[in-house]
Amino acid sequence: MGTASEWNVYILECADKTLYTGITVDPVRRIKEHNESDRLGAKYTRTRRPVSLVYQESCNDRSSACKREAAIKKLSRRAKQALIAAGCNH
């Protein structure tokens, strides 16, 4: 689990096989929110449940996590799948 100083970038695979990228300090809580909450999970994942964690990486601070999230979101699906396959460190 992350600490307040440990931000994480994560990729979820949705039930429809699409990929969702986000950031959090508590991956376990955040995935639970994506799967169970009608208020706290992302609108995108609410209709694509269940979701599962397929990739996670640590960042030093929120700023670097946001930058990394933006970079991952710009990748093609194929590039994201390669990232997941190469660094499945969750």
PDB file of N, CA and C in Angstrom:
ATOM      1  N   MET A   1       0.826  -1.194   0.000  1.00  0.00           N
ATOM      2  CA  MET A   1       0.000   0.000   0.000  1.00  0.00           C
ATOM      3  C   MET A   1       0.858   1.241   0.000  1.00  0.00           C
ATOM      4  N   GLY A   2       0.362   2.290  -0.609  1.00  0.00           N
ATOM      5  CA  GLY A   2       1.113   3.530  -0.695  1.00  0.00           C
ATOM      6  C   GLY A   2       1.047   4.350   0.576  1.00  0.00           C
ATOM      7  N   THR A   3       2.031   5.188   0.743  1.00  0.00           N
ATOM      8  CA  THR A   3       2.018   6.143   1.837  1.00  0.00           C
ATOM      9  C   THR A   3       1.688   7.501   1.243  1.00  0.00           C
ATOM     10  N   ALA A   4       1.524   8.510   2.114  1.00  0.00           N
ATOM     11  CA  ALA A   4       1.165   9.836   1.627  1.00  0.00           C
ATOM     12  C   ALA A   4       2.201  10.367   0.646  1.00  0.00           C
ATOM     13  N   SER A   5       3.448   9.915   0.765  1.00  0.00           N
ATOM     14  CA  SER A   5       4.495  10.401  -0.130  1.00  0.00           C
ATOM     15  C   SER A   5       4.704   9.486  -1.331  1.00  0.00           C
ATOM     16  N   GLU A   6       3.956   8.406  -1.399  1.00  0.00           N
ATOM     17  CA  GLU A   6       4.125   7.459  -2.498  1.00  0.00           C
ATOM     18  C   GLU A   6       2.893   7.450  -3.396  1.00  0.00           C
ATOM     19  N   TRP A   7       2.980   8.177  -4.471  1.00  0.00           N
ATOM     20  CA  TRP A   7       1.908   8.196  -5.453  1.00  0.00           C
ATOM     21  C   TRP A   7       2.112   7.058  -6.432  1.00  0.00           C
ATOM     22  N   ASN A   8       1.034   6.505  -6.912  1.00  0.00           N
ATOM     23  CA  ASN A   8       1.073   5.390  -7.846  1.00  0.00           C
ATOM     24  C   ASN A   8       0.270   5.715  -9.092  1.00  0.00           C
ATOM     25  N   VAL A   9       0.821   5.335 -10.226  1.00  0.00           N
ATOM     26  CA  VAL A   9       0.083   5.357 -11.487  1.00  0.00           C
ATOM     27  C   VAL A   9      -0.361   3.922 -11.715  1.00  0.00           C
ATOM     28  N   TYR A  10      -1.615   3.754 -12.125  1.00  0.00           N
ATOM     29  CA  TYR A  10      -2.110   2.397 -12.319  1.00  0.00           C
ATOM     30  C   TYR A  10      -2.901   2.307 -13.611  1.00  0.00           C
ATOM     31  N   ILE A  11      -2.954   1.086 -14.128  1.00  0.00           N
ATOM     32  CA  ILE A  11      -3.797   0.797 -15.288  1.00  0.00           C
ATOM     33  C   ILE A  11      -4.736  -0.328 -14.877  1.00  0.00           C
ATOM     34  N   LEU A  12      -6.017  -0.119 -15.162  1.00  0.00           N
ATOM     35  CA  LEU A  12      -7.035  -1.128 -14.910  1.00  0.00           C
ATOM     36  C   LEU A  12      -7.508  -1.696 -16.234  1.00  0.00           C
ATOM     37  N   GLU A  13      -7.824  -2.975 -16.225  1.00  0.00           N
ATOM     38  CA  GLU A  13      -8.507  -3.565 -17.376  1.00  0.00           C
ATOM     39  C   GLU A  13      -9.968  -3.710 -16.986  1.00  0.00           C
ATOM     40  N   CYS A  14     -10.836  -3.159 -17.796  1.00  0.00           N
ATOM     41  CA  CYS A  14     -12.266  -3.205 -17.541  1.00  0.00           C
ATOM     42  C   CYS A  14     -12.861  -4.499 -18.095  1.00  0.00           C
ATOM     43  N   ALA A  15     -14.098  -4.781 -17.708  1.00  0.00           N
ATOM     44  CA  ALA A  15     -14.774  -6.001 -18.158  1.00  0.00           C
ATOM     45  C   ALA A  15     -14.878  -6.073 -19.673  1.00  0.00           C
ATOM     46  N   ASP A  16     -14.958  -4.919 -20.335  1.00  0.00           N
ATOM     47  CA  ASP A  16     -15.046  -4.904 -21.796  1.00  0.00           C
ATOM     48  C   ASP A  16     -13.667  -4.887 -22.469  1.00  0.00           C
ATOM     49  N   LYS A  17     -12.628  -5.128 -21.676  1.00  0.00           N
ATOM     50  CA  LYS A  17     -11.232  -5.214 -22.132  1.00  0.00           C
ATOM     51  C   LYS A  17     -10.603  -3.865 -22.469  1.00  0.00           C
ATOM     52  N   THR A  18     -11.291  -2.757 -22.181  1.00  0.00           N
ATOM     53  CA  THR A  18     -10.672  -1.452 -22.351  1.00  0.00           C
ATOM     54  C   THR A  18      -9.744  -1.198 -21.167  1.00  0.00           C
ATOM     55  N   LEU A  19      -8.851  -0.226 -21.329  1.00  0.00           N
ATOM     56  CA  LEU A  19      -7.884   0.101 -20.289  1.00  0.00           C
ATOM     57  C   LEU A  19      -8.171   1.490 -19.735  1.00  0.00           C
ATOM     58  N   TYR A  20      -8.020   1.631 -18.425  1.00  0.00           N
ATOM     59  CA  TYR A  20      -8.232   2.909 -17.742  1.00  0.00           C
ATOM     60  C   TYR A  20      -6.976   3.220 -16.937  1.00  0.00           C
ATOM     61  N   THR A  21      -6.488   4.447 -17.021  1.00  0.00           N
ATOM     62  CA  THR A  21      -5.283   4.857 -16.302  1.00  0.00           C
ATOM     63  C   THR A  21      -5.631   5.930 -15.280  1.00  0.00           C
ATOM     64  N   GLY A  22      -5.053   5.815 -14.081  1.00  0.00           N
ATOM     65  CA  GLY A  22      -5.297   6.803 -13.036  1.00  0.00           C
ATOM     66  C   GLY A  22      -4.129   6.876 -12.071  1.00  0.00           C
ATOM     67  N   ILE A  23      -4.274   7.734 -11.048  1.00  0.00           N
ATOM     68  CA  ILE A  23      -3.262   7.862  -9.998  1.00  0.00           C
ATOM     69  C   ILE A  23      -3.938   7.779  -8.635  1.00  0.00           C
ATOM     70  N   THR A  24      -3.170   7.371  -7.634  1.00  0.00           N
ATOM     71  CA  THR A  24      -3.684   7.267  -6.275  1.00  0.00           C
ATOM     72  C   THR A  24      -2.536   7.073  -5.299  1.00  0.00           C
ATOM     73  N   VAL A  25      -2.802   7.310  -4.017  1.00  0.00           N
ATOM     74  CA  VAL A  25      -1.843   6.948  -2.975  1.00  0.00           C
ATOM     75  C   VAL A  25      -2.228   5.622  -2.327  1.00  0.00           C
ATOM     76  N   ASP A  26      -3.426   5.130  -2.617  1.00  0.00           N
ATOM     77  CA  ASP A  26      -3.916   3.884  -2.022  1.00  0.00           C
ATOM     78  C   ASP A  26      -4.598   3.030  -3.098  1.00  0.00           C
ATOM     79  N   PRO A  27      -3.812   2.233  -3.807  1.00  0.00           N
ATOM     80  CA  PRO A  27      -4.374   1.430  -4.911  1.00  0.00           C
ATOM     81  C   PRO A  27      -5.499   0.486  -4.492  1.00  0.00           C
ATOM     82  N   VAL A  28      -5.376  -0.147  -3.334  1.00  0.00           N
ATOM     83  CA  VAL A  28      -6.404  -1.095  -2.892  1.00  0.00           C
ATOM     84  C   VAL A  28      -7.745  -0.382  -2.721  1.00  0.00           C
ATOM     85  N   ARG A  29      -7.722   0.756  -2.041  1.00  0.00           N
ATOM     86  CA  ARG A  29      -8.941   1.532  -1.832  1.00  0.00           C
ATOM     87  C   ARG A  29      -9.508   2.020  -3.157  1.00  0.00           C
ATOM     88  N   ARG A  30      -8.636   2.499  -4.016  1.00  0.00           N
ATOM     89  CA  ARG A  30      -9.092   3.083  -5.277  1.00  0.00           C
ATOM     90  C   ARG A  30      -9.738   2.044  -6.182  1.00  0.00           C
ATOM     91  N   ILE A  31      -9.171   0.853  -6.252  1.00  0.00           N
ATOM     92  CA  ILE A  31      -9.760  -0.202  -7.078  1.00  0.00           C
ATOM     93  C   ILE A  31     -11.113  -0.614  -6.517  1.00  0.00           C
ATOM     94  N   LYS A  32     -11.207  -0.671  -5.195  1.00  0.00           N
ATOM     95  CA  LYS A  32     -12.490  -0.980  -4.561  1.00  0.00           C
ATOM     96  C   LYS A  32     -13.525   0.078  -4.937  1.00  0.00           C
ATOM     97  N   GLU A  33     -13.120   1.343  -4.945  1.00  0.00           N
ATOM     98  CA  GLU A  33     -14.028   2.419  -5.343  1.00  0.00           C
ATOM     99  C   GLU A  33     -14.467   2.258  -6.796  1.00  0.00           C
ATOM    100  N   HIS A  34     -13.526   1.927  -7.663  1.00  0.00           N
ATOM    101  CA  HIS A  34     -13.865   1.719  -9.079  1.00  0.00           C
ATOM    102  C   HIS A  34     -14.880   0.597  -9.237  1.00  0.00           C
ATOM    103  N   ASN A  35     -14.757  -0.447  -8.437  1.00  0.00           N
ATOM    104  CA  ASN A  35     -15.633  -1.608  -8.566  1.00  0.00           C
ATOM    105  C   ASN A  35     -16.947  -1.495  -7.820  1.00  0.00           C
ATOM    106  N   GLU A  36     -16.989  -0.710  -6.747  1.00  0.00           N
ATOM    107  CA  GLU A  36     -18.168  -0.751  -5.879  1.00  0.00           C
ATOM    108  C   GLU A  36     -18.914   0.568  -5.711  1.00  0.00           C
ATOM    109  N   SER A  37     -18.251   1.686  -5.830  1.00  0.00           N
ATOM    110  CA  SER A  37     -18.885   2.965  -5.512  1.00  0.00           C
ATOM    111  C   SER A  37     -19.559   3.590  -6.726  1.00  0.00           C
ATOM    112  N   ASP A  38     -20.743   4.135  -6.496  1.00  0.00           N
ATOM    113  CA  ASP A  38     -21.427   4.870  -7.555  1.00  0.00           C
ATOM    114  C   ASP A  38     -21.072   6.347  -7.531  1.00  0.00           C
ATOM    115  N   ARG A  39     -20.322   6.776  -6.521  1.00  0.00           N
ATOM    116  CA  ARG A  39     -19.934   8.176  -6.393  1.00  0.00           C
ATOM    117  C   ARG A  39     -18.434   8.387  -6.561  1.00  0.00           C
ATOM    118  N   LEU A  40     -17.624   7.446  -6.058  1.00  0.00           N
ATOM    119  CA  LEU A  40     -16.185   7.665  -5.993  1.00  0.00           C
ATOM    120  C   LEU A  40     -15.398   7.065  -7.147  1.00  0.00           C
ATOM    121  N   GLY A  41     -15.912   6.031  -7.761  1.00  0.00           N
ATOM    122  CA  GLY A  41     -15.221   5.454  -8.907  1.00  0.00           C
ATOM    123  C   GLY A  41     -15.356   6.371 -10.111  1.00  0.00           C
ATOM    124  N   ALA A  42     -14.459   6.256 -11.045  1.00  0.00           N
ATOM    125  CA  ALA A  42     -14.519   7.083 -12.249  1.00  0.00           C
ATOM    126  C   ALA A  42     -15.775   6.756 -13.054  1.00  0.00           C
ATOM    127  N   LYS A  43     -16.355   7.767 -13.647  1.00  0.00           N
ATOM    128  CA  LYS A  43     -17.549   7.580 -14.463  1.00  0.00           C
ATOM    129  C   LYS A  43     -17.295   6.553 -15.572  1.00  0.00           C
ATOM    130  N   TYR A  44     -16.094   6.589 -16.137  1.00  0.00           N
ATOM    131  CA  TYR A  44     -15.744   5.665 -17.214  1.00  0.00           C
ATOM    132  C   TYR A  44     -15.859   4.208 -16.765  1.00  0.00           C
ATOM    133  N   THR A  45     -15.401   3.904 -15.567  1.00  0.00           N
ATOM    134  CA  THR A  45     -15.371   2.502 -15.127  1.00  0.00           C
ATOM    135  C   THR A  45     -16.706   2.016 -14.574  1.00  0.00           C
ATOM    136  N   ARG A  46     -17.609   2.906 -14.222  1.00  0.00           N
ATOM    137  CA  ARG A  46     -18.888   2.501 -13.616  1.00  0.00           C
ATOM    138  C   ARG A  46     -19.688   1.556 -14.492  1.00  0.00           C
ATOM    139  N   THR A  47     -19.643   1.759 -15.782  1.00  0.00           N
ATOM    140  CA  THR A  47     -20.412   0.897 -16.692  1.00  0.00           C
ATOM    141  C   THR A  47     -19.564  -0.221 -17.282  1.00  0.00           C
ATOM    142  N   ARG A  48     -18.340  -0.372 -16.786  1.00  0.00           N
ATOM    143  CA  ARG A  48     -17.418  -1.373 -17.337  1.00  0.00           C
ATOM    144  C   ARG A  48     -16.870  -2.290 -16.237  1.00  0.00           C
ATOM    145  N   ARG A  49     -17.639  -2.512 -15.219  1.00  0.00           N
ATOM    146  CA  ARG A  49     -17.211  -3.336 -14.088  1.00  0.00           C
ATOM    147  C   ARG A  49     -17.391  -4.808 -14.406  1.00  0.00           C
ATOM    148  N   PRO A  50     -16.607  -5.655 -13.765  1.00  0.00           N
ATOM    149  CA  PRO A  50     -15.555  -5.339 -12.799  1.00  0.00           C
ATOM    150  C   PRO A  50     -14.269  -4.910 -13.507  1.00  0.00           C
ATOM    151  N   VAL A  51     -13.452  -4.198 -12.758  1.00  0.00           N
ATOM    152  CA  VAL A  51     -12.137  -3.803 -13.252  1.00  0.00           C
ATOM    153  C   VAL A  51     -11.088  -4.555 -12.458  1.00  0.00           C
ATOM    154  N   SER A  52      -9.926  -4.753 -13.064  1.00  0.00           N
ATOM    155  CA  SER A  52      -8.836  -5.407 -12.353  1.00  0.00           C
ATOM    156  C   SER A  52      -7.531  -4.666 -12.629  1.00  0.00           C
ATOM    157  N   LEU A  53      -6.676  -4.642 -11.621  1.00  0.00           N
ATOM    158  CA  LEU A  53      -5.381  -3.983 -11.730  1.00  0.00           C
ATOM    159  C   LEU A  53      -4.460  -4.815 -12.613  1.00  0.00           C
ATOM    160  N   VAL A  54      -3.916  -4.181 -13.656  1.00  0.00           N
ATOM    161  CA  VAL A  54      -2.991  -4.901 -14.537  1.00  0.00           C
ATOM    162  C   VAL A  54      -1.608  -4.278 -14.551  1.00  0.00           C
ATOM    163  N   TYR A  55      -1.474  -3.049 -14.022  1.00  0.00           N
ATOM    164  CA  TYR A  55      -0.179  -2.384 -13.999  1.00  0.00           C
ATOM    165  C   TYR A  55      -0.172  -1.320 -12.917  1.00  0.00           C
ATOM    166  N   GLN A  56       0.995  -1.172 -12.275  1.00  0.00           N
ATOM    167  CA  GLN A  56       1.158  -0.148 -11.250  1.00  0.00           C
ATOM    168  C   GLN A  56       2.620   0.253 -11.185  1.00  0.00           C
ATOM    169  N   GLU A  57       2.879   1.536 -11.030  1.00  0.00           N
ATOM    170  CA  GLU A  57       4.252   1.994 -10.806  1.00  0.00           C
ATOM    171  C   GLU A  57       4.234   3.142  -9.810  1.00  0.00           C
ATOM    172  N   SER A  58       5.283   3.230  -9.009  1.00  0.00           N
ATOM    173  CA  SER A  58       5.385   4.263  -7.981  1.00  0.00           C
ATOM    174  C   SER A  58       6.029   5.526  -8.540  1.00  0.00           C
ATOM    175  N   CYS A  59       5.589   6.651  -7.997  1.00  0.00           N
ATOM    176  CA  CYS A  59       6.160   7.953  -8.334  1.00  0.00           C
ATOM    177  C   CYS A  59       6.488   8.677  -7.028  1.00  0.00           C
ATOM    178  N   ASN A  60       7.406   9.627  -7.081  1.00  0.00           N
ATOM    179  CA  ASN A  60       7.839  10.322  -5.873  1.00  0.00           C
ATOM    180  C   ASN A  60       6.821  11.296  -5.324  1.00  0.00           C
ATOM    181  N   ASP A  61       6.027  11.902  -6.207  1.00  0.00           N
ATOM    182  CA  ASP A  61       5.075  12.913  -5.755  1.00  0.00           C
ATOM    183  C   ASP A  61       3.913  12.996  -6.731  1.00  0.00           C
ATOM    184  N   ARG A  62       2.918  13.772  -6.351  1.00  0.00           N
ATOM    185  CA  ARG A  62       1.725  13.876  -7.182  1.00  0.00           C
ATOM    186  C   ARG A  62       2.034  14.454  -8.561  1.00  0.00           C
ATOM    187  N   SER A  63       2.904  15.431  -8.608  1.00  0.00           N
ATOM    188  CA  SER A  63       3.249  16.057  -9.880  1.00  0.00           C
ATOM    189  C   SER A  63       3.831  15.049 -10.860  1.00  0.00           C
ATOM    190  N   SER A  64       4.779  14.253 -10.403  1.00  0.00           N
ATOM    191  CA  SER A  64       5.385  13.266 -11.299  1.00  0.00           C
ATOM    192  C   SER A  64       4.374  12.175 -11.666  1.00  0.00           C
ATOM    193  N   ALA A  65       3.479  11.836 -10.743  1.00  0.00           N
ATOM    194  CA  ALA A  65       2.436  10.847 -11.043  1.00  0.00           C
ATOM    195  C   ALA A  65       1.493  11.378 -12.116  1.00  0.00           C
ATOM    196  N   CYS A  66       1.108  12.640 -12.004  1.00  0.00           N
ATOM    197  CA  CYS A  66       0.222  13.251 -13.009  1.00  0.00           C
ATOM    198  C   CYS A  66       0.885  13.290 -14.380  1.00  0.00           C
ATOM    199  N   LYS A  67       2.168  13.629 -14.401  1.00  0.00           N
ATOM    200  CA  LYS A  67       2.897  13.673 -15.670  1.00  0.00           C
ATOM    201  C   LYS A  67       3.000  12.288 -16.291  1.00  0.00           C
ATOM    202  N   ARG A  68       3.272  11.286 -15.462  1.00  0.00           N
ATOM    203  CA  ARG A  68       3.379   9.918 -15.964  1.00  0.00           C
ATOM    204  C   ARG A  68       2.022   9.408 -16.444  1.00  0.00           C
ATOM    205  N   GLU A  69       0.967   9.735 -15.704  1.00  0.00           N
ATOM    206  CA  GLU A  69      -0.384   9.356 -16.114  1.00  0.00           C
ATOM    207  C   GLU A  69      -0.699   9.944 -17.489  1.00  0.00           C
ATOM    208  N   ALA A  70      -0.398  11.219 -17.673  1.00  0.00           N
ATOM    209  CA  ALA A  70      -0.652  11.876 -18.957  1.00  0.00           C
ATOM    210  C   ALA A  70       0.135  11.206 -20.078  1.00  0.00           C
ATOM    211  N   ALA A  71       1.389  10.845 -19.803  1.00  0.00           N
ATOM    212  CA  ALA A  71       2.214  10.183 -20.815  1.00  0.00           C
ATOM    213  C   ALA A  71       1.640   8.818 -21.188  1.00  0.00           C
ATOM    214  N   ILE A  72       1.183   8.069 -20.188  1.00  0.00           N
ATOM    215  CA  ILE A  72       0.608   6.743 -20.459  1.00  0.00           C
ATOM    216  C   ILE A  72      -0.685   6.882 -21.248  1.00  0.00           C
ATOM    217  N   LYS A  73      -1.506   7.864 -20.894  1.00  0.00           N
ATOM    218  CA  LYS A  73      -2.777   8.055 -21.597  1.00  0.00           C
ATOM    219  C   LYS A  73      -2.573   8.391 -23.068  1.00  0.00           C
ATOM    220  N   LYS A  74      -1.437   8.965 -23.413  1.00  0.00           N
ATOM    221  CA  LYS A  74      -1.144   9.301 -24.814  1.00  0.00           C
ATOM    222  C   LYS A  74      -0.681   8.089 -25.621  1.00  0.00           C
ATOM    223  N   LEU A  75      -0.303   7.017 -24.948  1.00  0.00           N
ATOM    224  CA  LEU A  75       0.175   5.816 -25.644  1.00  0.00           C
ATOM    225  C   LEU A  75      -0.962   5.127 -26.381  1.00  0.00           C
ATOM    226  N   SER A  76      -0.609   4.427 -27.427  1.00  0.00           N
ATOM    227  CA  SER A  76      -1.589   3.590 -28.126  1.00  0.00           C
ATOM    228  C   SER A  76      -1.924   2.387 -27.242  1.00  0.00           C
ATOM    229  N   ARG A  77      -3.016   1.728 -27.556  1.00  0.00           N
ATOM    230  CA  ARG A  77      -3.390   0.531 -26.807  1.00  0.00           C
ATOM    231  C   ARG A  77      -2.271  -0.513 -26.868  1.00  0.00           C
ATOM    232  N   ARG A  78      -1.690  -0.676 -28.041  1.00  0.00           N
ATOM    233  CA  ARG A  78      -0.605  -1.643 -28.211  1.00  0.00           C
ATOM    234  C   ARG A  78       0.581  -1.291 -27.308  1.00  0.00           C
ATOM    235  N   ALA A  79       0.926  -0.017 -27.241  1.00  0.00           N
ATOM    236  CA  ALA A  79       2.036   0.423 -26.389  1.00  0.00           C
ATOM    237  C   ALA A  79       1.707   0.222 -24.907  1.00  0.00           C
ATOM    238  N   LYS A  80       0.463   0.454 -24.529  1.00  0.00           N
ATOM    239  CA  LYS A  80       0.056   0.210 -23.139  1.00  0.00           C
ATOM    240  C   LYS A  80       0.148  -1.274 -22.816  1.00  0.00           C
ATOM    241  N   GLN A  81      -0.271  -2.122 -23.741  1.00  0.00           N
ATOM    242  CA  GLN A  81      -0.185  -3.566 -23.510  1.00  0.00           C
ATOM    243  C   GLN A  81       1.266  -4.010 -23.393  1.00  0.00           C
ATOM    244  N   ALA A  82       2.163  -3.413 -24.163  1.00  0.00           N
ATOM    245  CA  ALA A  82       3.581  -3.732 -24.066  1.00  0.00           C
ATOM    246  C   ALA A  82       4.136  -3.286 -22.706  1.00  0.00           C
ATOM    247  N   LEU A  83       3.709  -2.126 -22.247  1.00  0.00           N
ATOM    248  CA  LEU A  83       4.118  -1.633 -20.925  1.00  0.00           C
ATOM    249  C   LEU A  83       3.649  -2.597 -19.842  1.00  0.00           C
ATOM    250  N   ILE A  84       2.408  -3.031 -19.936  1.00  0.00           N
ATOM    251  CA  ILE A  84       1.852  -3.976 -18.960  1.00  0.00           C
ATOM    252  C   ILE A  84       2.647  -5.288 -18.985  1.00  0.00           C
ATOM    253  N   ALA A  85       2.913  -5.807 -20.186  1.00  0.00           N
ATOM    254  CA  ALA A  85       3.632  -7.086 -20.313  1.00  0.00           C
ATOM    255  C   ALA A  85       5.065  -6.984 -19.805  1.00  0.00           C
ATOM    256  N   ALA A  86       5.706  -5.849 -20.061  1.00  0.00           N
ATOM    257  CA  ALA A  86       7.110  -5.684 -19.691  1.00  0.00           C
ATOM    258  C   ALA A  86       7.311  -5.370 -18.208  1.00  0.00           C
ATOM    259  N   GLY A  87       6.365  -4.693 -17.631  1.00  0.00           N
ATOM    260  CA  GLY A  87       6.571  -4.235 -16.261  1.00  0.00           C
ATOM    261  C   GLY A  87       5.450  -4.542 -15.322  1.00  0.00           C
ATOM    262  N   CYS A  88       4.876  -5.681 -15.450  1.00  0.00           N
ATOM    263  CA  CYS A  88       3.745  -6.050 -14.609  1.00  0.00           C
ATOM    264  C   CYS A  88       4.219  -6.145 -13.158  1.00  0.00           C
ATOM    265  N   ASN A  89       4.290  -5.000 -12.497  1.00  0.00           N
ATOM    266  CA  ASN A  89       4.870  -4.946 -11.149  1.00  0.00           C
ATOM    267  C   ASN A  89       3.832  -4.604 -10.093  1.00  0.00           C
ATOM    268  N   HIS A  90       2.648  -5.100 -10.226  1.00  0.00           N
ATOM    269  CA  HIS A  90       1.627  -4.847  -9.217  1.00  0.00           C
ATOM    270  C   HIS A  90       1.575  -5.973  -8.205  1.00  0.00           C
TER     271      HIS A  90
END
